[in-house]
Amino acid sequence: MTEDDLVAKYAAEALASMKVEAQKRIDEVVDPEIENRLRQTSLLTLLDSEDIIPALLSRLNEVRAALDGHGGGIKLTSYSIIDGSEKTLDIVLDLTGACLSCGAAPGTLEGVKNDLESDNEISSVKFSSDLLDTFDELGREFILAHGNVDFV
């Protein structure tokens, strides 16, 4: 086994362990019946209801554990409905709570974007440029360079 093979093996084991731990943390704070109902409900029917944020959160994977565990959240700041062969959403989100100006925000933003864009009702996820104002200059430069997300 080469050194690269060993590194890849340990990385895969660490990732699997992190996924299990994240799911345990999520399971501690959510009601599985409500989560399942929200995941199965069309986001298009929930857009102007108080259930839209819980429905979006229900579609998150491991990043949900970070949001819940660190006192953060998301806020839907705007959306547009794309009327193609099937209706989909372009959404703009903001972070809330402890997630604002957190050093892990680039990874959190990317995780939220990737998880939500894997939902067939969501075409794109962008983030509010107001979020950038919560970071100092160095943090702003870092998130723009390494966040792998778009701001509008």
C-alpha atoms as a PDB file:
ATOM      1  CA  MET A   1       0.000   0.000   0.000  1.00  0.00           C
ATOM      2  CA  THR A   2       1.419   3.357  -1.041  1.00  0.00           C
ATOM      3  CA  GLU A   3       1.392   6.446   1.126  1.00  0.00           C
ATOM      4  CA  ASP A   4      -1.327   7.977  -1.107  1.00  0.00           C
ATOM      5  CA  ASP A   5      -3.440   4.825  -0.713  1.00  0.00           C
ATOM      6  CA  LEU A   6      -3.075   5.020   3.061  1.00  0.00           C
ATOM      7  CA  VAL A   7      -4.032   8.696   3.105  1.00  0.00           C
ATOM      8  CA  ALA A   8      -7.085   7.962   0.933  1.00  0.00           C
ATOM      9  CA  LYS A   9      -8.091   5.068   3.182  1.00  0.00           C
ATOM     10  CA  TYR A  10      -7.871   7.190   6.349  1.00  0.00           C
ATOM     11  CA  ALA A  11      -9.720  10.056   4.650  1.00  0.00           C
ATOM     12  CA  ALA A  12     -12.548   7.709   3.647  1.00  0.00           C
ATOM     13  CA  GLU A  13     -12.751   6.294   7.177  1.00  0.00           C
ATOM     14  CA  ALA A  14     -12.782   9.791   8.691  1.00  0.00           C
ATOM     15  CA  LEU A  15     -15.513  10.919   6.289  1.00  0.00           C
ATOM     16  CA  ALA A  16     -17.667   7.893   7.090  1.00  0.00           C
ATOM     17  CA  SER A  17     -17.190   8.489  10.814  1.00  0.00           C
ATOM     18  CA  MET A  18     -18.096  12.180  10.455  1.00  0.00           C
ATOM     19  CA  LYS A  19     -21.269  11.286   8.550  1.00  0.00           C
ATOM     20  CA  VAL A  20     -22.344   8.870  11.271  1.00  0.00           C
ATOM     21  CA  GLU A  21     -21.638  11.410  14.022  1.00  0.00           C
ATOM     22  CA  ALA A  22     -23.439  14.183  12.124  1.00  0.00           C
ATOM     23  CA  GLN A  23     -26.514  11.999  11.678  1.00  0.00           C
ATOM     24  CA  LYS A  24     -26.521  11.175  15.405  1.00  0.00           C
ATOM     25  CA  ARG A  25     -26.456  14.872  16.233  1.00  0.00           C
ATOM     26  CA  ILE A  26     -29.246  15.638  13.780  1.00  0.00           C
ATOM     27  CA  ASP A  27     -31.359  12.773  15.127  1.00  0.00           C
ATOM     28  CA  GLU A  28     -31.058  14.250  18.639  1.00  0.00           C
ATOM     29  CA  VAL A  29     -32.775  17.497  17.655  1.00  0.00           C
ATOM     30  CA  VAL A  30     -35.311  16.645  14.956  1.00  0.00           C
ATOM     31  CA  ASP A  31     -38.609  14.822  14.897  1.00  0.00           C
ATOM     32  CA  PRO A  32     -38.217  12.181  12.161  1.00  0.00           C
ATOM     33  CA  GLU A  33     -41.906  12.259  11.231  1.00  0.00           C
ATOM     34  CA  ILE A  34     -41.897  16.014  10.731  1.00  0.00           C
ATOM     35  CA  GLU A  35     -38.596  15.858   8.833  1.00  0.00           C
ATOM     36  CA  ASN A  36     -39.931  13.167   6.534  1.00  0.00           C
ATOM     37  CA  ARG A  37     -43.148  15.112   5.892  1.00  0.00           C
ATOM     38  CA  LEU A  38     -41.174  18.267   5.103  1.00  0.00           C
ATOM     39  CA  ARG A  39     -38.778  16.423   2.764  1.00  0.00           C
ATOM     40  CA  GLN A  40     -41.717  14.967   0.853  1.00  0.00           C
ATOM     41  CA  THR A  41     -43.602  18.274   0.555  1.00  0.00           C
ATOM     42  CA  SER A  42     -42.944  20.378  -2.508  1.00  0.00           C
ATOM     43  CA  LEU A  43     -40.965  23.506  -1.699  1.00  0.00           C
ATOM     44  CA  LEU A  44     -43.075  25.354  -4.243  1.00  0.00           C
ATOM     45  CA  THR A  45     -46.129  24.906  -2.004  1.00  0.00           C
ATOM     46  CA  LEU A  46     -44.269  26.164   1.083  1.00  0.00           C
ATOM     47  CA  LEU A  47     -42.608  29.302  -0.278  1.00  0.00           C
ATOM     48  CA  ASP A  48     -44.645  31.832   1.645  1.00  0.00           C
ATOM     49  CA  SER A  49     -45.239  29.721   4.732  1.00  0.00           C
ATOM     50  CA  GLU A  50     -43.383  29.423   8.008  1.00  0.00           C
ATOM     51  CA  ASP A  51     -42.460  25.848   6.993  1.00  0.00           C
ATOM     52  CA  ILE A  52     -40.111  26.891   4.180  1.00  0.00           C
ATOM     53  CA  ILE A  53     -37.014  27.134   6.391  1.00  0.00           C
ATOM     54  CA  PRO A  54     -37.671  23.820   8.190  1.00  0.00           C
ATOM     55  CA  ALA A  55     -38.301  22.256   4.759  1.00  0.00           C
ATOM     56  CA  LEU A  56     -35.009  23.596   3.421  1.00  0.00           C
ATOM     57  CA  LEU A  57     -33.193  22.414   6.549  1.00  0.00           C
ATOM     58  CA  SER A  58     -34.726  18.961   6.170  1.00  0.00           C
ATOM     59  CA  ARG A  59     -32.958  18.680   2.818  1.00  0.00           C
ATOM     60  CA  LEU A  60     -29.499  19.274   4.309  1.00  0.00           C
ATOM     61  CA  ASN A  61     -27.061  16.489   5.103  1.00  0.00           C
ATOM     62  CA  GLU A  62     -24.030  16.734   7.420  1.00  0.00           C
ATOM     63  CA  VAL A  63     -23.932  20.535   7.296  1.00  0.00           C
ATOM     64  CA  ARG A  64     -27.234  20.480   9.187  1.00  0.00           C
ATOM     65  CA  ALA A  65     -25.409  19.144  12.254  1.00  0.00           C
ATOM     66  CA  ALA A  66     -23.058  22.124  12.148  1.00  0.00           C
ATOM     67  CA  LEU A  67     -25.906  24.600  11.824  1.00  0.00           C
ATOM     68  CA  ASP A  68     -27.993  23.018  14.597  1.00  0.00           C
ATOM     69  CA  GLY A  69     -25.049  22.315  16.859  1.00  0.00           C
ATOM     70  CA  HIS A  70     -23.537  25.781  16.653  1.00  0.00           C
ATOM     71  CA  GLY A  71     -26.671  27.873  16.978  1.00  0.00           C
ATOM     72  CA  GLY A  72     -26.880  28.901  13.354  1.00  0.00           C
ATOM     73  CA  GLY A  73     -29.461  28.771  10.670  1.00  0.00           C
ATOM     74  CA  ILE A  74     -30.523  29.966   7.266  1.00  0.00           C
ATOM     75  CA  LYS A  75     -32.919  32.623   6.054  1.00  0.00           C
ATOM     76  CA  LEU A  76     -34.597  32.740   2.649  1.00  0.00           C
ATOM     77  CA  THR A  77     -34.043  36.305   1.433  1.00  0.00           C
ATOM     78  CA  SER A  78     -35.510  35.935  -2.059  1.00  0.00           C
ATOM     79  CA  TYR A  79     -36.515  33.423  -4.669  1.00  0.00           C
ATOM     80  CA  SER A  80     -37.645  33.170  -8.238  1.00  0.00           C
ATOM     81  CA  ILE A  81     -39.608  30.391  -9.848  1.00  0.00           C
ATOM     82  CA  ILE A  82     -38.114  29.068 -13.052  1.00  0.00           C
ATOM     83  CA  ASP A  83     -40.923  27.850 -15.270  1.00  0.00           C
ATOM     84  CA  GLY A  84     -39.296  25.280 -17.547  1.00  0.00           C
ATOM     85  CA  SER A  85     -40.428  21.737 -18.277  1.00  0.00           C
ATOM     86  CA  GLU A  86     -40.773  21.482 -14.499  1.00  0.00           C
ATOM     87  CA  LYS A  87     -40.961  24.417 -12.125  1.00  0.00           C
ATOM     88  CA  THR A  88     -37.811  24.916 -10.056  1.00  0.00           C
ATOM     89  CA  LEU A  89     -36.449  27.553  -7.729  1.00  0.00           C
ATOM     90  CA  ASP A  90     -33.518  29.901  -7.754  1.00  0.00           C
ATOM     91  CA  ILE A  91     -33.067  30.880  -4.126  1.00  0.00           C
ATOM     92  CA  VAL A  92     -30.988  33.407  -2.241  1.00  0.00           C
ATOM     93  CA  LEU A  93     -30.136  32.590   1.353  1.00  0.00           C
ATOM     94  CA  ASP A  94     -28.483  34.276   4.289  1.00  0.00           C
ATOM     95  CA  LEU A  95     -26.924  32.725   7.374  1.00  0.00           C
ATOM     96  CA  THR A  96     -28.342  33.535  10.790  1.00  0.00           C
ATOM     97  CA  GLY A  97     -27.310  33.201  14.396  1.00  0.00           C
ATOM     98  CA  ALA A  98     -23.844  32.049  15.327  1.00  0.00           C
ATOM     99  CA  CYS A  99     -23.011  31.240  11.701  1.00  0.00           C
ATOM    100  CA  LEU A 100     -22.492  34.917  10.956  1.00  0.00           C
ATOM    101  CA  SER A 101     -18.804  35.715  10.662  1.00  0.00           C
ATOM    102  CA  CYS A 102     -17.788  32.187  11.694  1.00  0.00           C
ATOM    103  CA  GLY A 103     -14.427  30.971  10.392  1.00  0.00           C
ATOM    104  CA  ALA A 104     -16.103  27.822   9.088  1.00  0.00           C
ATOM    105  CA  ALA A 105     -18.655  29.797   7.056  1.00  0.00           C
ATOM    106  CA  PRO A 106     -17.073  29.010   3.641  1.00  0.00           C
ATOM    107  CA  GLY A 107     -17.512  25.282   4.246  1.00  0.00           C
ATOM    108  CA  THR A 108     -20.988  25.801   5.683  1.00  0.00           C
ATOM    109  CA  LEU A 109     -22.091  27.860   2.677  1.00  0.00           C
ATOM    110  CA  GLU A 110     -20.707  25.320   0.238  1.00  0.00           C
ATOM    111  CA  GLY A 111     -22.355  22.439   2.117  1.00  0.00           C
ATOM    112  CA  VAL A 112     -25.730  24.204   2.147  1.00  0.00           C
ATOM    113  CA  LYS A 113     -25.436  25.030  -1.557  1.00  0.00           C
ATOM    114  CA  ASN A 114     -24.440  21.495  -2.572  1.00  0.00           C
ATOM    115  CA  ASP A 115     -27.102  19.799  -0.466  1.00  0.00           C
ATOM    116  CA  LEU A 116     -29.919  22.065  -1.613  1.00  0.00           C
ATOM    117  CA  GLU A 117     -28.909  22.002  -5.274  1.00  0.00           C
ATOM    118  CA  SER A 118     -29.140  18.212  -5.169  1.00  0.00           C
ATOM    119  CA  ASP A 119     -32.911  18.643  -4.629  1.00  0.00           C
ATOM    120  CA  ASN A 120     -34.762  18.419  -7.941  1.00  0.00           C
ATOM    121  CA  GLU A 121     -36.883  21.490  -7.108  1.00  0.00           C
ATOM    122  CA  ILE A 122     -33.886  23.791  -6.691  1.00  0.00           C
ATOM    123  CA  SER A 123     -31.997  25.083  -9.735  1.00  0.00           C
ATOM    124  CA  SER A 124     -29.525  27.279  -7.908  1.00  0.00           C
ATOM    125  CA  VAL A 125     -28.563  28.536  -4.493  1.00  0.00           C
ATOM    126  CA  LYS A 126     -26.843  31.868  -4.036  1.00  0.00           C
ATOM    127  CA  PHE A 127     -26.193  33.886  -0.911  1.00  0.00           C
ATOM    128  CA  SER A 128     -27.052  37.441  -0.005  1.00  0.00           C
ATOM    129  CA  SER A 129     -24.188  39.871  -0.442  1.00  0.00           C
ATOM    130  CA  ASP A 130     -25.290  41.366   2.895  1.00  0.00           C
ATOM    131  CA  LEU A 131     -23.671  38.320   4.467  1.00  0.00           C
ATOM    132  CA  LEU A 132     -20.286  39.578   3.292  1.00  0.00           C
ATOM    133  CA  ASP A 133     -20.734  42.692   5.427  1.00  0.00           C
ATOM    134  CA  THR A 134     -20.673  40.550   8.584  1.00  0.00           C
ATOM    135  CA  PHE A 135     -17.061  39.553   7.922  1.00  0.00           C
ATOM    136  CA  ASP A 136     -13.944  41.632   8.401  1.00  0.00           C
ATOM    137  CA  GLU A 137     -11.816  42.355   5.321  1.00  0.00           C
ATOM    138  CA  LEU A 138      -9.698  39.221   5.685  1.00  0.00           C
ATOM    139  CA  GLY A 139     -12.765  37.036   6.241  1.00  0.00           C
ATOM    140  CA  ARG A 140     -14.484  38.560   3.217  1.00  0.00           C
ATOM    141  CA  GLU A 141     -11.445  37.916   1.019  1.00  0.00           C
ATOM    142  CA  PHE A 142     -11.209  34.354   2.312  1.00  0.00           C
ATOM    143  CA  ILE A 143     -14.868  33.518   1.723  1.00  0.00           C
ATOM    144  CA  LEU A 144     -14.805  35.012  -1.772  1.00  0.00           C
ATOM    145  CA  ALA A 145     -11.658  33.068  -2.646  1.00  0.00           C
ATOM    146  CA  HIS A 146     -12.519  29.731  -1.026  1.00  0.00           C
ATOM    147  CA  GLY A 147     -16.287  29.660  -0.515  1.00  0.00           C
ATOM    148  CA  ASN A 148     -17.180  28.152  -3.919  1.00  0.00           C
ATOM    149  CA  VAL A 149     -20.499  30.010  -3.768  1.00  0.00           C
ATOM    150  CA  ASP A 150     -21.995  33.063  -5.438  1.00  0.00           C
ATOM    151  CA  PHE A 151     -23.251  36.225  -3.772  1.00  0.00           C
ATOM    152  CA  VAL A 152     -25.956  38.528  -5.122  1.00  0.00           C
END
